[in-house]
Amino acid sequence: MVVVQDLHKNFKKNLVLQGLNLNIEIGKTTAILGPNGSGKTTLIKIILGMVIPSKGEVKFNDINIKNNWIYRKEIDYLPQIADFPSNIKVIELINMIKDLRNKPAKDQELIKYFNLGKYLNTNLGNLSGGYKQKVNLLLTFMFDSPFIILDEPTSGLDPISLIKLKDYIKKEQQKGKTIIITSHVMNFVEEIANHIIFILDGKVYFDGSLKNLKTQTNNDDFEHAIANILRDNNV
């Protein structure tokens, strides 16, 4: 479980997170939602130890992550932007990440699953945005870690690839994995997530199940339920 307690983060005068308290439960898929600039990516980077909070703490399986990097070996992370070196080949990147992680990898299975075989010797700079995202997904899933963080995983994917992504996530869920997702695609979130956290201006405005969200907002449509939160807070 990930426990976030009284988390604050400011970049100079810009207050990004303002006293977040939330739990990410083991074995659940949690969607962290909110408009652009709400603090979602900053929260994820703090959980990963990539950003240091101004105040508060994060615990991973009851251990404070401050000055403790071992926990990250249990996490696979898909960043929002697949910013790869343009002059190396896909297969070279895959092999480099395998060498760095030094863990068993299921890269051949994922190369086939995402139809990347004919692009393995293509420079990353020559790939379309959608295929870069497929490479991004392959690198994320290939180490079979128990905890997965997906920051905007649907970005650039065509409809068929999106279906394959959803199917793959569901297989990971059946293994009991803990997954965090951020996304602006509400029908994707509704199909995948069973726990919703809504952040606005660096604060938590909803933390609960999809059913409770619909009840609280008095709206059976998920997208409209989210819109109600924004409307109620004058956004």
Protein backbone atom coordinates (compact mmCIF):
# COMPACT_ATOMS: atom_id res chain seq x y z
CA MET A 1 0.00 0.00 0.00
CA VAL A 2 1.06 3.58 -0.66
CA VAL A 3 0.09 6.05 2.06
CA VAL A 4 0.36 9.79 1.39
CA GLN A 5 0.20 12.01 4.48
CA ASP A 6 -0.13 15.81 4.53
CA LEU A 7 1.78 16.13 1.28
CA HIS A 8 2.76 19.64 0.12
CA LYS A 9 4.83 20.71 -2.86
CA ASN A 10 5.61 24.17 -4.10
CA PHE A 11 7.87 25.31 -6.89
CA LYS A 12 8.91 28.75 -5.65
CA LYS A 13 5.58 30.62 -5.30
CA ASN A 14 3.58 28.03 -7.24
CA LEU A 15 1.65 25.79 -4.81
CA VAL A 16 1.16 22.47 -6.61
CA LEU A 17 0.10 20.14 -3.78
CA GLN A 18 -1.62 21.44 -0.66
CA GLY A 19 -1.95 18.85 2.09
CA LEU A 20 -2.82 15.64 0.22
CA ASN A 21 -3.91 12.62 2.25
CA LEU A 22 -4.73 9.41 0.38
CA ASN A 23 -4.18 5.65 0.24
CA ILE A 24 -3.38 3.49 -2.77
CA GLU A 25 -4.58 0.00 -1.85
CA ILE A 26 -2.82 -3.20 -2.84
CA GLY A 27 -4.47 -5.10 -5.68
CA LYS A 28 -6.66 -2.22 -6.83
CA THR A 29 -6.50 -0.02 -9.91
CA THR A 30 -6.61 3.61 -8.81
CA ALA A 31 -7.29 6.40 -11.28
CA ILE A 32 -5.89 9.77 -10.23
CA LEU A 33 -7.95 12.34 -12.12
CA GLY A 34 -8.06 16.10 -12.41
CA PRO A 35 -7.65 18.91 -14.94
CA ASN A 36 -4.26 19.95 -16.31
CA GLY A 37 -2.15 21.55 -13.61
CA SER A 38 -4.00 19.86 -10.75
CA GLY A 39 -0.87 18.12 -9.44
CA LYS A 40 -1.33 14.55 -10.73
CA THR A 41 2.08 14.13 -12.34
CA THR A 42 3.83 15.87 -9.45
CA LEU A 43 2.19 13.41 -7.05
CA ILE A 44 3.35 10.45 -9.16
CA LYS A 45 6.91 11.79 -9.34
CA ILE A 46 6.94 12.19 -5.56
CA ILE A 47 5.76 8.59 -5.14
CA LEU A 48 8.61 7.54 -7.45
CA GLY A 49 11.16 9.62 -5.53
CA MET A 50 11.83 11.83 -8.56
CA VAL A 51 10.54 14.96 -6.79
CA ILE A 52 11.12 15.81 -3.12
CA PRO A 53 8.01 17.10 -1.28
CA SER A 54 8.12 20.42 0.54
CA LYS A 55 6.28 18.84 3.48
CA GLY A 56 4.65 15.54 4.38
CA GLU A 57 5.62 11.95 3.68
CA VAL A 58 4.94 8.94 1.48
CA LYS A 59 5.08 5.36 2.77
CA PHE A 60 5.41 2.33 0.52
CA ASN A 61 4.39 -0.87 2.32
CA ASP A 62 4.76 0.94 5.68
CA ILE A 63 8.29 2.19 4.90
CA ASN A 64 8.99 5.89 4.42
CA ILE A 65 10.43 6.36 0.94
CA LYS A 66 12.65 9.26 1.98
CA ASN A 67 16.29 8.30 1.35
CA ASN A 68 15.14 4.80 0.49
CA TRP A 69 15.29 3.75 -3.16
CA ILE A 70 14.97 -0.04 -2.89
CA TYR A 71 11.16 0.06 -3.15
CA ARG A 72 11.37 1.35 -6.72
CA LYS A 73 12.54 -2.09 -7.88
CA GLU A 74 8.93 -3.22 -7.37
CA ILE A 75 7.50 -0.48 -9.63
CA ASP A 76 7.13 -0.27 -13.40
CA TYR A 77 6.52 3.29 -14.62
CA LEU A 78 5.17 4.66 -17.88
CA PRO A 79 5.96 8.40 -18.16
CA GLN A 80 3.50 10.76 -19.79
CA ILE A 81 5.88 11.64 -22.63
CA ALA A 82 7.97 9.00 -24.39
CA ASP A 83 11.06 11.19 -24.80
CA PHE A 84 13.48 8.65 -26.26
CA PRO A 85 16.87 9.33 -27.90
CA SER A 86 16.08 9.71 -31.60
CA ASN A 87 19.27 8.15 -32.96
CA ILE A 88 19.10 4.67 -31.41
CA LYS A 89 17.13 1.69 -32.62
CA VAL A 90 14.12 0.22 -30.84
CA ILE A 91 15.93 -3.06 -30.10
CA GLU A 92 18.94 -1.16 -28.75
CA LEU A 93 16.73 0.72 -26.30
CA ILE A 94 15.00 -2.49 -25.18
CA ASN A 95 18.35 -4.21 -24.58
CA MET A 96 19.75 -1.18 -22.76
CA ILE A 97 16.79 -1.08 -20.34
CA LYS A 98 17.08 -4.83 -19.77
CA ASP A 99 20.75 -4.42 -18.88
CA LEU A 100 19.97 -1.55 -16.50
CA ARG A 101 17.13 -3.34 -14.70
CA ASN A 102 18.88 -6.73 -14.66
CA LYS A 103 15.61 -8.61 -14.15
CA PRO A 104 13.82 -11.32 -16.15
CA ALA A 105 12.00 -9.64 -19.03
CA LYS A 106 9.14 -10.70 -21.27
CA ASP A 107 10.14 -8.41 -24.13
CA GLN A 108 9.60 -11.01 -26.87
CA GLU A 109 6.01 -11.58 -25.76
CA LEU A 110 5.31 -7.83 -25.79
CA ILE A 111 7.06 -7.21 -29.11
CA LYS A 112 4.60 -9.65 -30.64
CA TYR A 113 1.62 -8.33 -28.67
CA PHE A 114 2.14 -4.71 -29.75
CA ASN A 115 3.21 -5.63 -33.31
CA LEU A 116 6.66 -4.08 -32.97
CA GLY A 117 8.65 -6.81 -34.71
CA LYS A 118 9.20 -5.00 -38.00
CA TYR A 119 10.25 -1.81 -36.22
CA LEU A 120 13.00 -3.25 -34.01
CA ASN A 121 15.78 -1.91 -36.24
CA THR A 122 14.09 1.46 -36.79
CA ASN A 123 15.54 4.57 -35.14
CA LEU A 124 13.19 5.86 -32.46
CA GLY A 125 13.20 9.29 -34.07
CA ASN A 126 11.57 7.80 -37.17
CA LEU A 127 8.61 6.25 -35.33
CA SER A 128 5.14 7.79 -35.22
CA GLY A 129 3.78 8.97 -31.90
CA GLY A 130 1.59 5.89 -31.61
CA TYR A 131 4.49 3.48 -32.11
CA LYS A 132 6.66 5.40 -29.67
CA GLN A 133 3.87 4.90 -27.14
CA LYS A 134 3.85 1.16 -27.90
CA VAL A 135 7.58 1.06 -27.19
CA ASN A 136 6.88 3.01 -24.00
CA LEU A 137 4.27 0.41 -22.98
CA LEU A 138 6.59 -2.49 -23.79
CA LEU A 139 9.33 -1.03 -21.58
CA THR A 140 6.80 -0.53 -18.79
CA PHE A 141 5.24 -3.99 -18.76
CA MET A 142 8.19 -6.21 -19.63
CA PHE A 143 9.55 -6.71 -16.07
CA ASP A 144 6.30 -8.00 -14.53
CA SER A 145 6.59 -5.94 -11.33
CA PRO A 146 3.76 -6.02 -8.74
CA PHE A 147 3.16 -2.24 -8.87
CA ILE A 148 2.52 -0.30 -12.10
CA ILE A 149 2.18 3.45 -12.63
CA LEU A 150 0.73 4.57 -16.00
CA ASP A 151 0.74 8.32 -16.66
CA GLU A 152 -1.59 8.97 -19.63
CA PRO A 153 -1.09 5.50 -21.20
CA THR A 154 -3.60 6.02 -24.03
CA SER A 155 -1.70 8.95 -25.57
CA GLY A 156 -1.29 8.53 -29.33
CA LEU A 157 -2.86 5.07 -29.54
CA ASP A 158 -5.22 4.10 -32.36
CA PRO A 159 -8.52 2.35 -31.44
CA ILE A 160 -7.16 -1.18 -31.96
CA SER A 161 -4.06 -0.48 -29.87
CA LEU A 162 -6.25 1.03 -27.16
CA ILE A 163 -8.31 -2.17 -26.98
CA LYS A 164 -5.11 -4.22 -26.73
CA LEU A 165 -3.88 -1.97 -23.93
CA LYS A 166 -7.13 -2.38 -21.98
CA ASP A 167 -7.01 -6.14 -22.44
CA TYR A 168 -3.42 -6.25 -21.21
CA ILE A 169 -4.17 -4.14 -18.15
CA LYS A 170 -7.06 -6.48 -17.30
CA LYS A 171 -4.64 -9.44 -17.43
CA GLU A 172 -2.34 -7.59 -15.04
CA GLN A 173 -5.30 -6.91 -12.74
CA GLN A 174 -6.11 -10.63 -12.66
CA LYS A 175 -2.61 -11.20 -11.27
CA GLY A 176 -3.49 -8.97 -8.32
CA LYS A 177 -1.22 -6.12 -9.33
CA THR A 178 -1.54 -2.62 -7.89
CA ILE A 179 -2.00 -0.05 -10.67
CA ILE A 180 -2.13 3.74 -10.72
CA ILE A 181 -3.48 5.43 -13.85
CA THR A 182 -3.85 9.04 -14.88
CA SER A 183 -5.95 9.74 -17.95
CA HIS A 184 -8.28 12.28 -19.53
CA VAL A 185 -10.14 9.51 -21.40
CA MET A 186 -13.10 8.89 -19.11
CA ASN A 187 -14.54 5.79 -20.81
CA PHE A 188 -11.10 4.16 -20.51
CA VAL A 189 -10.94 5.02 -16.80
CA GLU A 190 -14.48 3.79 -16.17
CA GLU A 191 -13.70 0.43 -17.76
CA ILE A 192 -10.37 -0.09 -15.99
CA ALA A 193 -10.40 1.58 -12.57
CA ASN A 194 -12.16 0.54 -9.36
CA HIS A 195 -10.88 3.39 -7.18
CA ILE A 196 -11.13 7.08 -8.10
CA ILE A 197 -9.13 9.95 -6.62
CA PHE A 198 -9.97 13.40 -7.98
CA ILE A 199 -7.45 16.19 -7.41
CA LEU A 200 -8.11 19.87 -8.00
CA ASP A 201 -5.68 22.71 -7.25
CA GLY A 202 -3.46 20.31 -5.34
CA LYS A 203 -6.22 19.05 -3.02
CA VAL A 204 -8.27 15.85 -2.94
CA TYR A 205 -11.95 16.49 -3.75
CA PHE A 206 -13.03 12.87 -4.06
CA ASP A 207 -11.54 9.58 -2.87
CA GLY A 208 -13.63 6.44 -3.25
CA SER A 209 -15.26 3.92 -5.55
CA LEU A 210 -16.85 4.65 -8.91
CA LYS A 211 -20.24 3.77 -7.41
CA ASN A 212 -19.77 6.25 -4.56
CA LEU A 213 -18.73 8.95 -7.01
CA LYS A 214 -21.93 8.54 -8.98
CA THR A 215 -23.99 8.53 -5.79
CA GLN A 216 -22.25 11.59 -4.35
CA THR A 217 -22.69 13.60 -7.55
CA ASN A 218 -26.19 12.21 -8.19
CA ASN A 219 -25.21 11.24 -11.72
CA ASP A 220 -25.04 7.75 -13.25
CA ASP A 221 -22.84 8.91 -16.13
CA PHE A 222 -19.17 8.82 -15.10
CA GLU A 223 -18.05 11.67 -17.34
CA HIS A 224 -20.88 13.90 -16.12
CA ALA A 225 -20.15 12.92 -12.51
CA ILE A 226 -16.59 14.22 -12.94
CA ALA A 227 -17.93 17.35 -14.63
CA ASN A 228 -20.21 17.92 -11.63
CA ILE A 229 -17.20 18.06 -9.32
CA LEU A 230 -15.62 20.70 -11.53
CA ARG A 231 -18.85 22.66 -11.81
CA ASP A 232 -19.46 22.53 -8.06
CA ASN A 233 -16.01 24.01 -7.51
CA ASN A 234 -16.40 26.72 -10.18
CA VAL A 235 -13.87 25.27 -12.60
